[in-house]
Amino acid sequence: MGGGGLVGTRAGADALHPPSRPGARADAPDYLSFSILDPTHPTTSLFAPAWVLLALRAGAAAYVSATLALIGARSAWGGMIQCVVGEERRREGLEHRETRRFPRTDRPRLFLSPSLPLSWLAFFTNWTFCLFGLWALLGAVVSARAVLAPLARRRRARSLRPAPGGPATPGTPGSPAPLAPRRSDIESPPASPGGGGPEAPAAARWPRLDALFALLTAVVTPASLFLSFFFWAFLWPHIARETGQWPNAHTIMEHGGNVLILAADALLSRTPAVTPWFQLTLLYGTAYVVFMWAWQGATGDWIYPLFSWDRPMAAGAYTALPLLLAGAFGVWYGLAAGREAVGRGLAARRKRRGGGEGAVSAASGWGGA
């Protein structure tokens, strides 16, 4: 596919884009497929300038901060209300434990903040939301670097211009010394027009932060899609029947707003989606199941009672978990594939109107990127 295998299986992408390293075997181990992917794609878009991605990801970081502040404030307010009601009940001679929202326990409680207990981090939703915050921060960093890189190159070019008094070449008195190539220039050389990339080792083509951001996207997006579907389809109907309440603001923000942001990023950016990365999504879900078992062994409580071994539906729950994660990964993969299909259609239309491939490249950024 145009641009170094944005979406597709590993085998199909290898057939279209053989390894770019001189002398590398076609079957050389590259389990995460970075040798066939363009390192500029996580910070570029077919439909918008790079600063739009920066604004989206920086806004996502602010969104996470606001959500966590709202959760902390609500937890603190709830604790104050419980203390006031408990004091009134004690004055009336009633048992204090009747006013508690949760069963009384003599175990000590650890706190992330004065109002937020450490057990908040035990839930898969909050694991994923914190990971979403890390994704937003990392995305803002790599996008800011991509936006600022052209400005830095222009400043470097101006510093190499001859002095007004006459032409000068680097190395002569009064002329600027040649600058050594930056590390980012070495790690991320521009892709060739054919999409195959320069003749450089594949491992040196991806900056570490960009690679980490791409892999984090492959974990956060499917996990968030899965959690939102599971919560609204299975958990919320039961909660609504038991409490008769509407969802509060931070519930909607944790199980809705983040998914909209991730979907917008999947459609706007060209972050790759390749099937081998599902291993990371599955590993993330497996790590949480192991943590849930350890939590139950240490506290005697199941975070999600649906997974309790003594329940008849436990086997179905453990079977459905990887299948639902696979389905969520497929939705993300479909968004990326649809984005690329639309991009190819727009590129072909611009090519017909512009009368040449160069016009397509200049107008849409498609030309080999």
Protein backbone atom coordinates (compact mmCIF):
# COMPACT_ATOMS: atom_id res chain seq x y z
CA MET A 1 0.00 0.00 0.00
CA GLY A 2 1.13 3.52 -0.66
CA GLY A 3 3.43 4.66 2.10
CA GLY A 4 5.09 1.52 3.31
CA GLY A 5 2.38 -0.83 4.45
CA LEU A 6 0.07 1.22 6.65
CA VAL A 7 -2.45 -1.55 7.07
CA GLY A 8 -2.29 -5.21 6.25
CA THR A 9 -0.94 -8.52 7.33
CA ARG A 10 2.76 -9.06 7.78
CA ALA A 11 3.01 -11.49 4.86
CA GLY A 12 1.17 -9.22 2.44
CA ALA A 13 3.18 -6.19 3.46
CA ASP A 14 6.47 -8.09 3.00
CA ALA A 15 5.44 -8.98 -0.52
CA LEU A 16 4.77 -5.32 -1.34
CA HIS A 17 7.69 -3.80 0.54
CA PRO A 18 10.78 -6.02 0.89
CA PRO A 19 13.27 -5.15 3.65
CA SER A 20 15.21 -2.00 2.83
CA ARG A 21 18.45 -3.02 4.56
CA PRO A 22 21.14 -4.04 2.05
CA GLY A 23 21.63 -7.78 2.13
CA ALA A 24 18.73 -8.39 4.51
CA ARG A 25 16.79 -11.60 4.00
CA ALA A 26 13.10 -11.38 3.20
CA ASP A 27 12.41 -13.68 6.15
CA ALA A 28 14.60 -11.77 8.62
CA PRO A 29 12.83 -11.56 12.01
CA ASP A 30 10.94 -8.31 12.44
CA TYR A 31 7.99 -9.28 14.59
CA LEU A 32 6.63 -5.76 14.94
CA SER A 33 6.96 -4.97 11.19
CA PHE A 34 8.75 -1.63 11.60
CA SER A 35 11.03 -2.41 8.64
CA ILE A 36 8.06 -2.01 6.27
CA LEU A 37 6.45 1.06 7.87
CA ASP A 38 7.07 4.76 7.29
CA PRO A 39 8.21 6.53 10.50
CA THR A 40 6.57 9.81 9.47
CA HIS A 41 3.02 8.42 9.44
CA PRO A 42 2.15 8.77 13.17
CA THR A 43 2.62 12.55 12.84
CA THR A 44 1.18 13.16 9.36
CA SER A 45 -2.35 13.24 7.96
CA LEU A 46 -4.02 12.88 4.59
CA PHE A 47 -6.71 15.39 5.51
CA ALA A 48 -5.20 18.02 7.84
CA PRO A 49 -1.91 19.77 8.64
CA ALA A 50 0.36 18.40 11.35
CA TRP A 51 -0.65 21.06 13.87
CA VAL A 52 -4.20 19.65 13.91
CA LEU A 53 -2.84 16.35 15.25
CA LEU A 54 -0.81 18.28 17.82
CA ALA A 55 -3.93 20.15 18.95
CA LEU A 56 -5.95 16.92 19.13
CA ARG A 57 -3.38 15.08 21.22
CA ALA A 58 -2.60 18.02 23.50
CA GLY A 59 -6.34 18.45 23.98
CA ALA A 60 -6.58 14.76 24.88
CA ALA A 61 -3.95 15.27 27.60
CA ALA A 62 -5.97 18.18 28.99
CA TYR A 63 -9.11 16.03 28.79
CA VAL A 64 -7.49 13.31 30.92
CA SER A 65 -6.33 15.88 33.49
CA ALA A 66 -9.83 17.34 33.72
CA THR A 67 -11.39 13.89 34.12
CA LEU A 68 -9.00 12.89 36.89
CA ALA A 69 -9.61 16.20 38.66
CA LEU A 70 -13.36 15.60 38.43
CA ILE A 71 -13.01 12.07 39.83
CA GLY A 72 -10.87 13.34 42.70
CA ALA A 73 -13.28 16.17 43.49
CA ARG A 74 -16.28 13.85 43.41
CA SER A 75 -14.52 11.33 45.64
CA ALA A 76 -13.59 14.05 48.13
CA TRP A 77 -17.15 15.44 48.14
CA GLY A 78 -18.58 11.95 48.62
CA GLY A 79 -16.25 11.38 51.56
CA MET A 80 -17.33 14.65 53.16
CA ILE A 81 -21.01 13.75 52.76
CA GLN A 82 -20.46 10.31 54.29
CA CYS A 83 -18.63 11.85 57.27
CA VAL A 84 -21.43 14.38 57.91
CA VAL A 85 -24.19 11.79 57.60
CA GLY A 86 -22.24 9.37 59.80
CA GLU A 87 -21.84 12.00 62.51
CA GLU A 88 -25.58 12.73 62.45
CA ARG A 89 -26.41 9.03 62.68
CA ARG A 90 -24.04 8.56 65.61
CA ARG A 91 -25.75 11.39 67.43
CA GLU A 92 -29.04 9.60 66.89
CA GLY A 93 -27.57 6.43 68.40
CA LEU A 94 -27.45 4.50 65.10
CA GLU A 95 -24.61 2.29 63.93
CA HIS A 96 -22.03 4.12 61.82
CA ARG A 97 -21.60 1.15 59.51
CA GLU A 98 -25.16 1.61 58.24
CA THR A 99 -24.10 4.86 56.58
CA ARG A 100 -21.12 3.42 54.74
CA ARG A 101 -21.40 2.86 51.04
CA PHE A 102 -19.11 -0.18 51.10
CA PRO A 103 -18.76 -3.04 53.60
CA ARG A 104 -16.76 -2.14 56.66
CA THR A 105 -13.22 -3.50 56.75
CA ASP A 106 -10.40 -3.33 59.24
CA ARG A 107 -7.75 -3.49 56.48
CA PRO A 108 -5.70 -0.29 56.09
CA ARG A 109 -6.46 1.76 52.97
CA LEU A 110 -3.75 3.31 50.81
CA PHE A 111 -4.46 6.54 48.93
CA LEU A 112 -3.20 8.04 45.68
CA SER A 113 -4.32 11.43 47.00
CA PRO A 114 -6.21 12.60 50.11
CA SER A 115 -9.48 11.79 48.31
CA LEU A 116 -8.65 8.94 45.91
CA PRO A 117 -7.98 5.42 47.26
CA LEU A 118 -5.27 3.27 45.69
CA SER A 119 -7.95 0.67 44.89
CA TRP A 120 -9.09 3.06 42.15
CA LEU A 121 -6.22 1.69 40.08
CA ALA A 122 -7.49 -1.87 40.44
CA PHE A 123 -10.11 -1.48 37.71
CA PHE A 124 -9.34 -2.26 34.07
CA THR A 125 -11.16 0.94 33.07
CA ASN A 126 -8.76 3.05 35.12
CA TRP A 127 -5.72 1.13 33.92
CA THR A 128 -6.72 1.93 30.37
CA PHE A 129 -7.65 5.53 31.07
CA CYS A 130 -4.25 6.19 32.65
CA LEU A 131 -2.63 4.53 29.63
CA PHE A 132 -4.76 6.81 27.45
CA GLY A 133 -3.29 9.79 29.31
CA LEU A 134 0.24 8.50 28.62
CA TRP A 135 -0.72 8.05 24.96
CA ALA A 136 -1.96 11.65 24.78
CA LEU A 137 1.21 13.06 26.37
CA LEU A 138 3.49 11.00 24.13
CA GLY A 139 1.44 11.90 21.07
CA ALA A 140 1.66 15.60 21.89
CA VAL A 141 5.46 15.29 22.20
CA VAL A 142 6.00 13.51 18.87
CA SER A 143 3.53 15.82 17.11
CA ALA A 144 5.22 18.93 18.53
CA ARG A 145 8.55 17.62 17.32
CA ALA A 146 7.10 17.06 13.83
CA VAL A 147 5.58 20.57 13.74
CA LEU A 148 8.78 22.24 14.95
CA ALA A 149 11.15 20.24 12.73
CA PRO A 150 10.52 22.30 9.55
CA LEU A 151 11.10 25.51 11.51
CA ALA A 152 14.40 24.16 12.80
CA ARG A 153 15.45 23.15 9.28
CA ARG A 154 14.65 26.65 7.97
CA ARG A 155 16.72 28.21 10.75
CA ARG A 156 19.61 25.89 9.89
CA ALA A 157 19.31 26.80 6.22
CA ARG A 158 19.36 30.54 7.00
CA SER A 159 22.47 30.09 9.13
CA LEU A 160 24.26 28.56 6.12
CA ARG A 161 23.44 31.41 3.72
CA PRO A 162 26.41 33.50 2.44
CA ALA A 163 27.17 36.79 4.17
CA PRO A 164 25.80 39.96 2.48
CA GLY A 165 29.34 41.08 1.54
CA GLY A 166 29.84 38.33 -0.97
CA PRO A 167 29.57 34.62 -1.59
CA ALA A 168 31.17 32.39 0.93
CA THR A 169 31.48 28.68 1.23
CA PRO A 170 31.66 26.63 4.41
CA GLY A 171 35.21 26.41 5.69
CA THR A 172 36.34 29.88 4.51
CA PRO A 173 36.92 32.72 7.00
CA GLY A 174 33.71 34.51 7.88
CA SER A 175 31.47 31.70 6.74
CA PRO A 176 29.49 29.43 9.03
CA ALA A 177 30.87 26.01 9.72
CA PRO A 178 28.92 23.07 8.35
CA LEU A 179 26.53 21.57 10.87
CA ALA A 180 26.62 17.92 11.78
CA PRO A 181 23.45 16.01 10.98
CA ARG A 182 21.00 15.82 13.84
CA ARG A 183 20.19 12.52 15.47
CA SER A 184 16.57 12.75 14.29
CA ASP A 185 17.78 13.22 10.71
CA ILE A 186 19.78 10.01 11.02
CA GLU A 187 16.97 8.07 12.64
CA SER A 188 14.20 9.27 10.31
CA PRO A 189 15.49 9.88 6.77
CA PRO A 190 12.82 10.88 4.25
CA ALA A 191 11.13 8.06 2.42
CA SER A 192 11.94 7.55 -1.23
CA PRO A 193 9.28 8.35 -3.84
CA GLY A 194 8.70 4.66 -4.36
CA GLY A 195 7.76 4.18 -0.72
CA GLY A 196 10.56 1.73 -0.02
CA GLY A 197 12.67 4.13 2.02
CA PRO A 198 16.40 4.91 1.87
CA GLU A 199 19.09 2.31 1.93
CA ALA A 200 19.53 2.36 5.70
CA PRO A 201 19.15 -0.22 8.43
CA ALA A 202 15.48 -0.72 9.14
CA ALA A 203 15.95 -0.42 12.92
CA ALA A 204 17.43 3.08 12.52
CA ARG A 205 14.46 4.47 10.61
CA TRP A 206 12.03 4.81 13.54
CA PRO A 207 12.73 7.23 16.41
CA ARG A 208 12.09 5.46 19.69
CA LEU A 209 9.31 7.78 20.87
CA ASP A 210 7.45 7.48 17.57
CA ALA A 211 7.70 3.69 17.67
CA LEU A 212 6.51 3.62 21.29
CA PHE A 213 3.60 5.89 20.41
CA ALA A 214 2.56 3.66 17.50
CA LEU A 215 2.65 0.53 19.68
CA LEU A 216 0.79 2.31 22.48
CA THR A 217 -1.92 3.25 19.99
CA ALA A 218 -2.33 -0.45 19.14
CA VAL A 219 -3.03 -1.18 22.81
CA VAL A 220 -5.01 1.85 23.99
CA THR A 221 -7.42 2.13 21.07
CA PRO A 222 -8.71 -1.49 21.03
CA ALA A 223 -8.80 -1.65 24.85
CA SER A 224 -10.82 1.57 25.07
CA LEU A 225 -13.23 0.39 22.37
CA PHE A 226 -13.69 -2.92 24.19
CA LEU A 227 -14.29 -1.27 27.57
CA SER A 228 -16.84 1.21 26.24
CA PHE A 229 -18.76 -1.52 24.47
CA PHE A 230 -18.65 -3.84 27.49
CA PHE A 231 -19.67 -1.11 29.93
CA TRP A 232 -22.64 0.30 27.99
CA ALA A 233 -23.85 -3.07 26.68
CA PHE A 234 -23.51 -5.21 29.81
CA LEU A 235 -22.60 -3.30 32.98
CA TRP A 236 -24.60 -0.10 32.74
CA PRO A 237 -28.04 -1.72 32.26
CA HIS A 238 -27.48 -3.66 35.50
CA ILE A 239 -26.24 -0.54 37.34
CA ALA A 240 -29.19 1.50 36.09
CA ARG A 241 -31.66 -1.11 37.31
CA GLU A 242 -30.02 -1.28 40.73
CA THR A 243 -29.58 2.45 41.33
CA GLY A 244 -32.13 4.11 39.06
CA GLN A 245 -29.57 6.83 38.28
CA TRP A 246 -28.23 8.41 35.12
CA PRO A 247 -24.50 8.10 34.35
CA ASN A 248 -22.42 10.85 35.91
CA ALA A 249 -20.02 13.10 34.01
CA HIS A 250 -16.77 11.25 34.65
CA THR A 251 -18.38 7.91 33.69
CA ILE A 252 -19.25 9.34 30.29
CA MET A 253 -15.77 10.86 30.00
CA GLU A 254 -14.07 7.55 30.78
CA HIS A 255 -16.35 5.40 28.61
CA GLY A 256 -17.17 7.70 25.72
CA GLY A 257 -15.14 10.85 25.23
CA ASN A 258 -11.82 9.00 25.11
CA VAL A 259 -13.14 6.67 22.40
CA LEU A 260 -14.21 9.64 20.27
CA ILE A 261 -10.72 11.17 20.60
CA LEU A 262 -9.01 7.90 19.67
CA ALA A 263 -11.33 7.37 16.70
CA ALA A 264 -10.63 10.92 15.47
CA ASP A 265 -6.89 10.29 15.75
CA ALA A 266 -7.20 6.98 13.89
CA LEU A 267 -9.03 8.73 11.04
CA LEU A 268 -6.89 11.87 10.89
CA SER A 269 -3.38 10.54 11.47
CA ARG A 270 -1.67 7.83 9.45
CA THR A 271 -0.59 5.80 12.47
CA PRO A 272 0.00 2.26 11.15
CA ALA A 273 -2.32 -0.64 11.95
CA VAL A 274 -0.77 -4.03 11.30
CA THR A 275 -2.05 -7.39 12.46
CA PRO A 276 1.07 -8.51 14.43
CA TRP A 277 0.40 -5.72 16.90
CA PHE A 278 -2.66 -7.56 18.18
CA GLN A 279 -0.16 -9.56 20.25
CA LEU A 280 0.36 -6.44 22.37
CA THR A 281 -3.38 -5.93 22.85
CA LEU A 282 -3.79 -9.54 23.93
CA LEU A 283 -0.76 -9.32 26.22
CA TYR A 284 -2.26 -6.24 27.89
CA GLY A 285 -5.56 -8.02 28.56
CA THR A 286 -3.72 -11.09 29.86
CA ALA A 287 -1.61 -8.95 32.22
CA TYR A 288 -4.77 -7.48 33.73
CA VAL A 289 -6.36 -10.93 34.24
CA VAL A 290 -3.23 -12.07 36.11
CA PHE A 291 -3.37 -8.89 38.22
CA MET A 292 -7.04 -9.55 38.97
CA TRP A 293 -6.18 -13.06 40.22
CA ALA A 294 -3.39 -11.64 42.41
CA TRP A 295 -5.77 -9.01 43.80
CA GLN A 296 -8.34 -11.66 44.67
CA GLY A 297 -5.70 -13.77 46.37
CA ALA A 298 -4.48 -10.82 48.44
CA THR A 299 -7.84 -9.27 49.38
CA GLY A 300 -10.40 -12.05 48.90
CA ASP A 301 -12.46 -9.74 46.64
CA TRP A 302 -13.06 -10.04 42.91
CA ILE A 303 -12.73 -6.70 41.12
CA TYR A 304 -15.16 -8.00 38.50
CA PRO A 305 -17.32 -10.76 40.08
CA LEU A 306 -18.16 -12.01 36.59
CA PHE A 307 -14.71 -13.62 36.51
CA SER A 308 -15.08 -15.39 39.86
CA TRP A 309 -14.19 -19.06 39.42
CA ASP A 310 -17.22 -20.26 41.38
CA ARG A 311 -19.69 -18.64 38.97
CA PRO A 312 -21.17 -20.66 36.10
CA MET A 313 -20.54 -17.86 33.61
CA ALA A 314 -16.84 -17.52 34.43
CA ALA A 315 -15.72 -19.85 31.62
CA GLY A 316 -17.74 -17.84 29.13
CA ALA A 317 -16.29 -14.58 30.44
CA TYR A 318 -12.71 -15.79 30.09
CA THR A 319 -13.48 -17.03 26.57
CA ALA A 320 -15.23 -13.83 25.51
CA LEU A 321 -12.47 -11.51 26.73
CA PRO A 322 -9.88 -12.27 23.99
CA LEU A 323 -12.62 -12.51 21.37
CA LEU A 324 -13.97 -9.06 22.26
CA LEU A 325 -10.46 -7.63 22.27
CA ALA A 326 -9.92 -9.12 18.82
CA GLY A 327 -13.17 -7.56 17.65
CA ALA A 328 -12.14 -4.16 19.02
CA PHE A 329 -8.76 -4.48 17.30
CA GLY A 330 -10.62 -5.27 14.07
CA VAL A 331 -12.67 -2.07 14.42
CA TRP A 332 -9.49 -0.01 14.80
CA TYR A 333 -7.93 -1.85 11.85
CA GLY A 334 -11.05 -1.11 9.79
CA LEU A 335 -10.86 2.60 10.62
CA ALA A 336 -7.25 2.70 9.43
CA ALA A 337 -8.05 0.73 6.27
CA GLY A 338 -11.00 3.00 5.48
CA ARG A 339 -8.85 6.07 6.03
CA GLU A 340 -6.27 4.82 3.56
CA ALA A 341 -8.94 3.89 1.01
CA VAL A 342 -10.43 7.39 1.20
CA GLY A 343 -6.96 8.89 0.93
CA ARG A 344 -6.20 6.89 -2.22
CA GLY A 345 -9.50 7.98 -3.73
CA LEU A 346 -8.82 11.64 -2.97
CA ALA A 347 -5.28 11.31 -4.34
CA ALA A 348 -6.56 9.80 -7.59
CA ARG A 349 -9.13 12.57 -7.96
CA ARG A 350 -6.53 15.27 -7.39
CA LYS A 351 -4.24 13.56 -9.85
CA ARG A 352 -6.90 13.65 -12.54
CA ARG A 353 -7.62 17.29 -11.84
CA GLY A 354 -4.02 18.39 -11.38
CA GLY A 355 -2.64 16.48 -14.32
CA GLY A 356 0.30 14.92 -12.63
CA GLU A 357 1.65 12.97 -9.72
CA GLY A 358 3.62 15.97 -8.44
CA ALA A 359 0.42 17.91 -8.00
CA VAL A 360 -1.04 15.05 -6.01
CA SER A 361 1.99 14.93 -3.75
CA ALA A 362 1.93 18.68 -3.14
CA ALA A 363 -1.80 18.87 -2.53
CA SER A 364 -2.40 15.81 -0.40
CA GLY A 365 0.94 14.69 0.96
CA TRP A 366 0.33 11.27 -0.55
CA GLY A 367 3.34 11.08 -2.84
CA GLY A 368 5.25 8.21 -1.32
CA ALA A 369 4.65 9.37 2.25
